[in-house]
């Protein structure tokens, strides 16, 4: 049985979705009667939309066929050498960085909850490496790798995790709140679903600047990616924002990183219909299910969704079926998931799969890939040394960005920060 196969769903229908069973490089199973998977979608008329058949994508999550990515059997490479090496380097950076985070956490260099991204690298790399600098990314509490993929330097991310002043948030954000205005990373968010309205607002801003303020760009609209997990898809903000985004045709892609577990709750136990992609067509937007362990499949779907948003054709919901190789956080002993389930997905490691693809298609030699591995090891080691030697934030930073008036509670009549007063820690009433 193929890992992904197209199945027909009875009416009523709203739109069509593509099958991701096609191999990159071959003719994809596009939307009905269209040269492009997204070009045929028009939401101007509800009548015309409902008249089209809906093609869903089913996935057998325990199929042994998934141990070999479909893309690896294509005779022609789906990407160039340059792109393949860029994808590989970004995924290796994400994995090596997170592995180092685990070491530093257990050595007492990091505090609080730290959620690692191991196993899900194909999703971040497959989407974010297609973005322009001005495009936006909104993440979750599992945000380190999203920031790295968008270009935030490893030093700044590691220093933020160490709580140092040289971090991307000056040490005040920590693991779950990566933010970089320079790279248009609009933050990680600790509570599920709270980043989706922010992403929707960013997409609205892009459309407002383009259509109302007439600040259009030759390449089209700026695009926003909203990342979130399967557990978020039962949250009210998710549905409200899907409706708003489709109503206003906002340039946003809702990327569901379905790793099958919401902390310790199985997705299949928590959701009445576990096929999340179906929630897209329910609002009139395309919904796509893709193998999130195959970066080339993710990239293929992402290219079309991003291009569609950039043209002003509205949002897309993409469900990436993936898996995290570690517990929910580094404080999670990961005892609830069955060993055979974990072994099944470990055998589908997206980095190993891409490495095999690159070598089989002659895009690079194993020694070239090893040199990239060594380069990334050096980058991560440098990030740790930089973070460890960086200063802690000064006490004067404590009340910055808290009050709208910088001379509010934080600054006394003498112009000095109140937190510098020796009595400050005894209670503000005595200051």
Protein backbone atom coordinates (compact mmCIF):
# COMPACT_ATOMS: atom_id res chain seq x y z
CA UNK A 1 0.00 0.00 0.00
CA UNK A 2 1.34 3.42 -0.92
CA UNK A 3 2.05 5.71 1.98
CA UNK A 4 -0.39 8.24 0.59
CA UNK A 5 -3.32 7.54 -1.72
CA UNK A 6 -6.14 9.66 -3.11
CA UNK A 7 -9.65 8.82 -1.97
CA UNK A 8 -12.91 10.41 -2.99
CA UNK A 9 -15.17 11.98 -0.39
CA UNK A 10 -18.93 12.21 -0.99
CA UNK A 11 -20.59 15.68 -1.29
CA UNK A 12 -21.08 18.32 -0.07
CA UNK A 13 -17.80 19.64 -1.44
CA UNK A 14 -16.14 22.99 -1.05
CA UNK A 15 -12.85 22.75 -2.88
CA UNK A 16 -10.15 20.30 -3.84
CA UNK A 17 -6.89 19.21 -2.34
CA UNK A 18 -3.95 17.56 -3.95
CA UNK A 19 -2.50 14.17 -3.22
CA UNK A 20 0.99 14.16 -1.85
CA UNK A 21 1.58 10.60 -3.02
CA UNK A 22 3.27 11.96 -6.12
CA UNK A 23 7.01 11.92 -6.22
CA UNK A 24 8.80 15.21 -6.51
CA UNK A 25 9.95 15.51 -10.08
CA UNK A 26 6.99 13.59 -11.50
CA UNK A 27 3.65 15.02 -12.50
CA UNK A 28 1.85 15.81 -9.25
CA UNK A 29 -1.80 14.98 -8.64
CA UNK A 30 -2.96 18.56 -8.91
CA UNK A 31 -6.38 20.02 -8.32
CA UNK A 32 -8.90 18.83 -10.84
CA UNK A 33 -8.45 20.13 -14.40
CA UNK A 34 -5.63 22.53 -13.56
CA UNK A 35 -1.95 22.81 -14.50
CA UNK A 36 -1.22 23.94 -10.96
CA UNK A 37 -2.36 22.47 -7.68
CA UNK A 38 -3.69 25.81 -6.52
CA UNK A 39 -4.36 27.75 -9.71
CA UNK A 40 -7.83 26.30 -10.20
CA UNK A 41 -9.11 27.45 -6.84
CA UNK A 42 -11.54 30.33 -7.01
CA UNK A 43 -13.70 31.39 -4.12
CA UNK A 44 -15.57 34.15 -5.86
CA UNK A 45 -18.67 32.02 -6.21
CA UNK A 46 -19.84 29.56 -3.59
CA UNK A 47 -21.87 27.77 -6.24
CA UNK A 48 -18.85 27.16 -8.47
CA UNK A 49 -16.77 26.02 -5.52
CA UNK A 50 -19.28 23.45 -4.34
CA UNK A 51 -19.62 22.01 -7.82
CA UNK A 52 -16.07 20.65 -7.76
CA UNK A 53 -15.10 17.23 -6.43
CA UNK A 54 -13.11 16.96 -3.23
CA UNK A 55 -10.05 14.76 -3.29
CA UNK A 56 -8.70 13.92 0.11
CA UNK A 57 -5.39 12.41 1.06
CA UNK A 58 -5.32 9.40 3.33
CA UNK A 59 -2.31 8.19 5.25
CA UNK A 60 -1.51 4.82 6.74
CA UNK A 61 0.60 5.86 9.72
CA UNK A 62 1.80 2.34 10.41
CA UNK A 63 2.47 1.29 6.83
CA UNK A 64 5.90 -0.22 6.34
CA UNK A 65 5.99 1.55 2.96
CA UNK A 66 6.76 4.75 4.85
CA UNK A 67 10.20 3.49 5.76
CA UNK A 68 11.31 4.48 2.26
CA UNK A 69 10.35 7.95 1.05
CA UNK A 70 8.52 7.89 -2.26
CA UNK A 71 10.73 10.70 -3.54
CA UNK A 72 13.85 8.55 -3.34
CA UNK A 73 12.78 6.38 -6.27
CA UNK A 74 12.44 9.21 -8.74
CA UNK A 75 14.95 8.95 -11.60
CA UNK A 76 15.40 12.72 -11.87
CA UNK A 77 16.33 14.82 -8.85
CA UNK A 78 13.50 17.04 -7.63
CA UNK A 79 15.94 19.75 -6.57
CA UNK A 80 19.28 21.11 -7.68
CA UNK A 81 22.52 20.35 -5.90
CA UNK A 82 22.54 23.82 -4.36
CA UNK A 83 19.02 23.48 -2.98
CA UNK A 84 19.62 19.94 -1.72
CA UNK A 85 22.72 21.02 0.20
CA UNK A 86 20.91 24.06 1.61
CA UNK A 87 18.10 21.82 2.88
CA UNK A 88 20.53 19.30 4.32
CA UNK A 89 22.60 21.93 6.11
CA UNK A 90 19.54 23.58 7.63
CA UNK A 91 18.14 20.27 8.88
CA UNK A 92 21.47 19.19 10.32
CA UNK A 93 21.80 22.56 12.06
CA UNK A 94 18.39 22.13 13.65
CA UNK A 95 19.17 18.62 14.88
CA UNK A 96 22.66 19.39 16.17
CA UNK A 97 21.48 22.56 17.88
CA UNK A 98 18.67 20.75 19.69
CA UNK A 99 20.95 17.89 20.74
CA UNK A 100 23.31 20.46 22.24
CA UNK A 101 20.38 22.13 24.01
CA UNK A 102 19.65 18.82 25.74
CA UNK A 103 23.24 18.63 26.96
CA UNK A 104 23.23 22.21 28.21
CA UNK A 105 19.85 21.79 29.93
CA UNK A 106 21.03 18.78 31.91
CA UNK A 107 24.22 20.67 32.83
CA UNK A 108 22.14 23.42 34.36
CA UNK A 109 22.83 26.06 31.72
CA UNK A 110 19.15 26.43 30.79
CA UNK A 111 16.13 26.82 33.02
CA UNK A 112 12.39 26.32 32.74
CA UNK A 113 10.78 24.16 30.09
CA UNK A 114 12.73 23.38 26.93
CA UNK A 115 10.88 21.72 24.04
CA UNK A 116 13.05 20.18 21.34
CA UNK A 117 12.27 19.77 17.63
CA UNK A 118 14.16 16.55 16.86
CA UNK A 119 12.42 14.58 14.11
CA UNK A 120 10.35 17.46 12.76
CA UNK A 121 13.12 19.24 10.83
CA UNK A 122 11.62 18.54 7.39
CA UNK A 123 8.66 20.78 8.20
CA UNK A 124 10.64 23.83 9.28
CA UNK A 125 13.19 23.51 6.49
CA UNK A 126 10.65 22.59 3.82
CA UNK A 127 8.61 25.72 4.43
CA UNK A 128 10.86 28.43 5.83
CA UNK A 129 13.74 28.10 3.36
CA UNK A 130 11.29 29.16 0.61
CA UNK A 131 10.47 32.48 2.29
CA UNK A 132 11.71 35.96 1.49
CA UNK A 133 13.34 38.04 4.21
CA UNK A 134 10.20 40.18 4.58
CA UNK A 135 7.93 37.15 5.05
CA UNK A 136 6.82 36.40 8.61
CA UNK A 137 7.07 33.31 10.81
CA UNK A 138 4.98 32.76 13.95
CA UNK A 139 5.99 29.79 16.05
CA UNK A 140 5.05 27.86 19.18
CA UNK A 141 6.92 26.90 22.34
CA UNK A 142 8.93 24.50 20.12
CA UNK A 143 10.51 27.42 18.32
CA UNK A 144 14.32 27.19 18.31
CA UNK A 145 14.59 25.56 14.88
CA UNK A 146 12.00 27.83 13.26
CA UNK A 147 14.16 30.79 14.30
CA UNK A 148 17.31 29.14 12.96
CA UNK A 149 15.66 28.30 9.62
CA UNK A 150 14.57 31.94 9.24
CA UNK A 151 18.15 33.09 9.68
CA UNK A 152 18.43 34.08 13.34
CA UNK A 153 22.11 33.38 14.19
CA UNK A 154 22.83 30.31 16.29
CA UNK A 155 24.72 32.48 18.76
CA UNK A 156 21.67 34.63 19.43
CA UNK A 157 19.34 31.67 19.86
CA UNK A 158 21.70 29.83 22.20
CA UNK A 159 22.39 32.97 24.22
CA UNK A 160 18.65 33.47 24.61
CA UNK A 161 18.32 29.93 25.92
CA UNK A 162 21.10 30.68 28.41
CA UNK A 163 19.22 33.83 29.51
CA UNK A 164 22.05 36.12 28.43
CA UNK A 165 21.96 39.74 27.35
CA UNK A 166 23.30 38.82 23.89
CA UNK A 167 20.27 36.65 23.13
CA UNK A 168 17.76 37.59 20.43
CA UNK A 169 15.43 38.84 23.20
CA UNK A 170 18.24 40.06 25.47
CA UNK A 171 17.72 37.06 27.71
CA UNK A 172 14.14 37.91 28.65
CA UNK A 173 12.34 35.50 26.33
CA UNK A 174 13.98 32.16 26.93
CA UNK A 175 13.23 28.91 25.17
CA UNK A 176 9.56 29.50 24.40
CA UNK A 177 9.72 33.12 23.23
CA UNK A 178 12.18 33.49 20.38
CA UNK A 179 11.65 36.80 18.60
CA UNK A 180 13.66 38.71 16.02
CA UNK A 181 12.32 41.82 14.32
CA UNK A 182 15.30 41.81 11.96
CA UNK A 183 14.40 38.34 10.69
CA UNK A 184 10.62 38.74 10.93
CA UNK A 185 10.27 35.98 13.49
CA UNK A 186 7.25 37.24 15.39
CA UNK A 187 7.76 35.07 18.41
CA UNK A 188 7.32 31.71 19.95
CA UNK A 189 4.24 31.38 22.17
CA UNK A 190 3.94 29.32 25.32
CA UNK A 191 0.18 28.74 25.18
CA UNK A 192 -1.25 26.70 22.35
CA UNK A 193 -3.09 28.67 19.73
CA UNK A 194 -2.09 32.13 20.90
CA UNK A 195 0.30 32.66 18.00
CA UNK A 196 -2.37 32.03 15.34
CA UNK A 197 -4.19 35.37 15.84
CA UNK A 198 -0.82 37.16 15.74
CA UNK A 199 -0.01 35.45 12.45
CA UNK A 200 -3.45 36.29 11.07
CA UNK A 201 -2.91 39.93 12.04
CA UNK A 202 0.48 39.95 10.30
CA UNK A 203 -1.13 38.56 7.15
CA UNK A 204 -3.86 41.21 7.37
CA UNK A 205 -1.18 43.89 7.67
CA UNK A 206 0.53 42.59 4.53
CA UNK A 207 -2.70 42.72 2.57
CA UNK A 208 -3.60 46.17 3.95
CA UNK A 209 -0.24 47.59 2.91
CA UNK A 210 -0.58 45.99 -0.52
CA UNK A 211 -4.18 46.92 -1.33
CA UNK A 212 -5.05 49.96 0.78
CA UNK A 213 -1.74 51.77 1.18
CA UNK A 214 -0.68 50.71 -2.34
CA UNK A 215 2.73 49.62 -1.10
CA UNK A 216 2.85 46.68 -3.45
CA UNK A 217 5.97 44.68 -4.25
CA UNK A 218 6.93 43.16 -7.62
CA UNK A 219 7.02 39.68 -6.11
CA UNK A 220 3.54 40.07 -4.61
CA UNK A 221 2.28 39.95 -1.06
CA UNK A 222 4.41 39.19 1.96
CA UNK A 223 3.47 35.76 3.29
CA UNK A 224 3.02 34.63 6.89
CA UNK A 225 3.56 31.09 8.14
CA UNK A 226 1.69 30.09 11.30
CA UNK A 227 3.13 26.94 12.88
CA UNK A 228 1.19 24.97 15.50
CA UNK A 229 0.55 21.41 16.58
CA UNK A 230 -2.29 18.92 16.40
CA UNK A 231 -3.42 19.74 19.93
CA UNK A 232 -4.10 23.34 18.91
CA UNK A 233 -6.59 22.27 16.25
CA UNK A 234 -9.32 21.77 18.84
CA UNK A 235 -8.83 25.33 20.08
CA UNK A 236 -11.31 28.09 19.27
CA UNK A 237 -8.73 30.60 18.05
CA UNK A 238 -7.75 28.17 15.30
CA UNK A 239 -11.27 28.07 13.86
CA UNK A 240 -11.86 31.81 14.24
CA UNK A 241 -8.67 32.61 12.36
CA UNK A 242 -9.34 30.08 9.59
CA UNK A 243 -12.65 31.82 9.01
CA UNK A 244 -11.16 35.32 9.10
CA UNK A 245 -8.24 34.41 6.83
CA UNK A 246 -10.50 32.88 4.20
CA UNK A 247 -13.08 35.66 4.46
CA UNK A 248 -10.43 38.29 3.70
CA UNK A 249 -8.21 36.10 1.46
CA UNK A 250 -5.20 36.71 3.67
CA UNK A 251 -1.70 35.61 2.54
CA UNK A 252 -1.16 33.04 5.28
CA UNK A 253 -0.37 29.33 5.44
CA UNK A 254 -1.55 27.47 8.51
CA UNK A 255 1.06 24.74 9.05
CA UNK A 256 -0.03 21.94 11.37
CA UNK A 257 2.93 20.01 12.73
CA UNK A 258 0.94 16.91 13.59
CA UNK A 259 3.37 14.85 15.65
CA UNK A 260 0.43 12.72 16.82
CA UNK A 261 0.76 13.67 20.50
CA UNK A 262 -0.41 16.74 22.42
CA UNK A 263 1.97 16.41 25.37
CA UNK A 264 0.79 13.00 26.59
CA UNK A 265 -2.58 12.90 24.79
CA UNK A 266 -2.81 10.85 21.61
CA UNK A 267 -4.23 12.81 18.70
CA UNK A 268 -6.51 9.89 17.88
CA UNK A 269 -8.05 9.97 21.37
CA UNK A 270 -8.53 13.74 21.50
CA UNK A 271 -10.05 14.55 18.11
CA UNK A 272 -13.38 13.39 16.70
CA UNK A 273 -12.00 13.55 13.15
CA UNK A 274 -8.21 13.15 13.21
CA UNK A 275 -7.78 14.32 9.60
CA UNK A 276 -6.98 17.94 10.36
CA UNK A 277 -6.61 19.00 6.73
CA UNK A 278 -10.39 18.61 6.31
CA UNK A 279 -10.93 21.70 8.42
CA UNK A 280 -9.54 23.78 5.56
CA UNK A 281 -12.20 22.91 2.96
CA UNK A 282 -14.85 23.39 5.66
CA UNK A 283 -13.97 27.11 5.51
CA UNK A 284 -13.51 27.18 1.74
CA UNK A 285 -9.71 27.01 1.62
CA UNK A 286 -7.53 24.19 0.32
CA UNK A 287 -6.54 21.57 2.85
CA UNK A 288 -3.50 19.39 2.20
CA UNK A 289 -2.06 16.41 4.02
CA UNK A 290 1.63 15.76 3.42
CA UNK A 291 4.30 13.39 4.67
CA UNK A 292 6.09 15.63 7.16
CA UNK A 293 9.06 13.26 7.38
CA UNK A 294 10.01 13.96 3.74
CA UNK A 295 11.45 17.43 3.20
CA UNK A 296 11.02 17.23 -0.57
CA UNK A 297 7.31 16.49 -0.29
CA UNK A 298 6.89 19.27 2.25
CA UNK A 299 8.80 21.69 0.04
CA UNK A 300 6.68 20.79 -3.00
CA UNK A 301 3.45 21.54 -1.15
CA UNK A 302 4.94 24.65 0.46
CA UNK A 303 5.99 26.09 -2.90
CA UNK A 304 2.45 26.00 -4.22
CA UNK A 305 0.83 27.26 -1.01
CA UNK A 306 3.29 30.16 -0.70
CA UNK A 307 2.94 31.10 -4.37
CA UNK A 308 -0.83 31.05 -4.07
CA UNK A 309 -0.74 33.31 -1.00
CA UNK A 310 1.71 35.67 -2.67
CA UNK A 311 -0.64 36.03 -5.65
CA UNK A 312 -3.42 37.11 -3.30
CA UNK A 313 -5.45 33.92 -3.65
CA UNK A 314 -5.80 33.36 0.06
CA UNK A 315 -4.82 30.93 2.81
CA UNK A 316 -4.01 27.23 2.81
CA UNK A 317 -4.17 24.68 5.62
CA UNK A 318 -1.33 22.14 5.44
CA UNK A 319 -1.23 19.17 7.79
CA UNK A 320 2.29 17.77 8.04
CA UNK A 321 2.30 14.32 9.60
CA UNK A 322 5.54 14.18 11.54
CA UNK A 323 6.94 12.87 14.82
CA UNK A 324 9.10 14.18 17.63
CA UNK A 325 11.97 11.93 18.64
CA UNK A 326 12.08 13.20 22.22
CA UNK A 327 9.53 13.73 24.95
CA UNK A 328 7.22 16.73 24.98
CA UNK A 329 9.91 18.66 26.84
CA UNK A 330 13.20 17.76 28.45
CA UNK A 331 11.26 17.31 31.70
CA UNK A 332 9.11 14.59 30.07
CA UNK A 333 10.33 11.00 30.61
CA UNK A 334 8.40 10.01 27.45
CA UNK A 335 6.87 6.87 28.92
CA UNK A 336 3.43 7.08 27.29
CA UNK A 337 4.38 6.42 23.67
CA UNK A 338 4.92 2.79 22.71
CA UNK A 339 8.46 1.68 21.81
CA UNK A 340 7.35 0.20 18.47
CA UNK A 341 5.69 3.49 17.50
CA UNK A 342 8.86 5.42 18.31
CA UNK A 343 10.99 2.90 16.44
CA UNK A 344 8.73 3.12 13.39
CA UNK A 345 9.23 6.85 13.03
CA UNK A 346 12.90 6.75 14.01
CA UNK A 347 13.40 4.52 10.97
CA UNK A 348 11.98 7.37 8.87
CA UNK A 349 14.43 9.99 10.12
CA UNK A 350 14.05 12.91 7.67
CA UNK A 351 17.75 13.79 7.71
CA UNK A 352 18.86 10.24 6.94
CA UNK A 353 16.25 10.06 4.18
CA UNK A 354 17.48 13.28 2.56
CA UNK A 355 21.11 12.19 2.86
CA UNK A 356 20.27 8.93 1.09
CA UNK A 357 18.40 10.84 -1.63
CA UNK A 358 21.31 13.22 -2.22
CA UNK A 359 23.86 10.41 -2.55
CA UNK A 360 21.65 8.18 -4.71
CA UNK A 361 21.00 11.03 -7.15
CA UNK A 362 24.62 12.10 -7.32
CA UNK A 363 23.95 15.56 -5.93
CA UNK A 364 26.84 15.30 -3.47
CA UNK A 365 29.24 12.74 -2.08
CA UNK A 366 29.21 11.35 1.42
CA UNK A 367 32.44 13.20 2.19
CA UNK A 368 30.82 16.49 1.19
CA UNK A 369 27.94 15.82 3.53
CA UNK A 370 30.35 14.93 6.33
CA UNK A 371 32.08 18.26 5.82
CA UNK A 372 28.71 19.97 6.31
CA UNK A 373 28.19 17.95 9.49
CA UNK A 374 31.59 19.11 10.75
CA UNK A 375 30.83 22.72 9.83
CA UNK A 376 27.57 22.60 11.80
CA UNK A 377 29.28 21.00 14.81
CA UNK A 378 31.68 23.94 14.85
CA UNK A 379 28.81 26.45 14.54
CA UNK A 380 26.97 24.90 17.49
CA UNK A 381 30.11 24.68 19.63
CA UNK A 382 30.79 28.33 18.89
CA UNK A 383 27.23 29.23 19.87
CA UNK A 384 27.65 27.51 23.23
CA UNK A 385 30.98 29.25 23.91
CA UNK A 386 29.47 32.60 22.95
CA UNK A 387 26.40 32.08 25.14
CA UNK A 388 28.40 30.84 28.12
CA UNK A 389 30.78 33.79 28.04
CA UNK A 390 28.07 36.41 27.46
CA UNK A 391 26.95 38.65 30.35
CA UNK A 392 23.69 38.29 32.19
CA UNK A 393 21.13 41.08 31.64
CA UNK A 394 21.67 44.05 33.98
CA UNK A 395 19.14 44.65 36.72
CA UNK A 396 18.23 47.91 35.00
CA UNK A 397 16.69 45.83 32.21
CA UNK A 398 14.16 44.27 34.57
CA UNK A 399 11.41 46.84 34.10
CA UNK A 400 12.11 47.82 30.50
CA UNK A 401 9.33 47.13 28.00
CA UNK A 402 6.84 46.75 30.85
CA UNK A 403 5.29 50.20 30.99
CA UNK A 404 4.24 52.40 28.09
CA UNK A 405 5.72 55.41 29.87
CA UNK A 406 9.46 54.74 30.34
CA UNK A 407 9.37 57.09 33.33
CA UNK A 408 6.53 55.16 34.91
CA UNK A 409 6.98 52.85 37.83
CA UNK A 410 10.47 51.79 36.77
CA UNK A 411 12.27 55.16 37.08
CA UNK A 412 12.41 57.25 40.25
CA UNK A 413 12.41 61.05 40.64
CA UNK A 414 16.23 61.05 40.55
CA UNK A 415 16.19 59.46 37.10
CA UNK A 416 17.58 56.15 38.31
CA UNK A 417 15.89 52.80 37.99
CA UNK A 418 14.02 51.89 41.15
CA UNK A 419 15.32 48.33 40.92
CA UNK A 420 18.81 49.70 41.63
CA UNK A 421 17.68 50.83 45.09
CA UNK A 422 18.85 48.34 47.76
CA UNK A 423 15.33 48.33 49.24
CA UNK A 424 13.71 47.32 45.96
CA UNK A 425 13.76 43.63 46.75
CA UNK A 426 12.05 44.25 50.10
CA UNK A 427 8.87 45.40 48.41
CA UNK A 428 7.96 48.31 46.19
CA UNK A 429 5.98 50.03 48.97
CA UNK A 430 9.22 50.76 50.79
CA UNK A 431 10.98 52.23 47.74
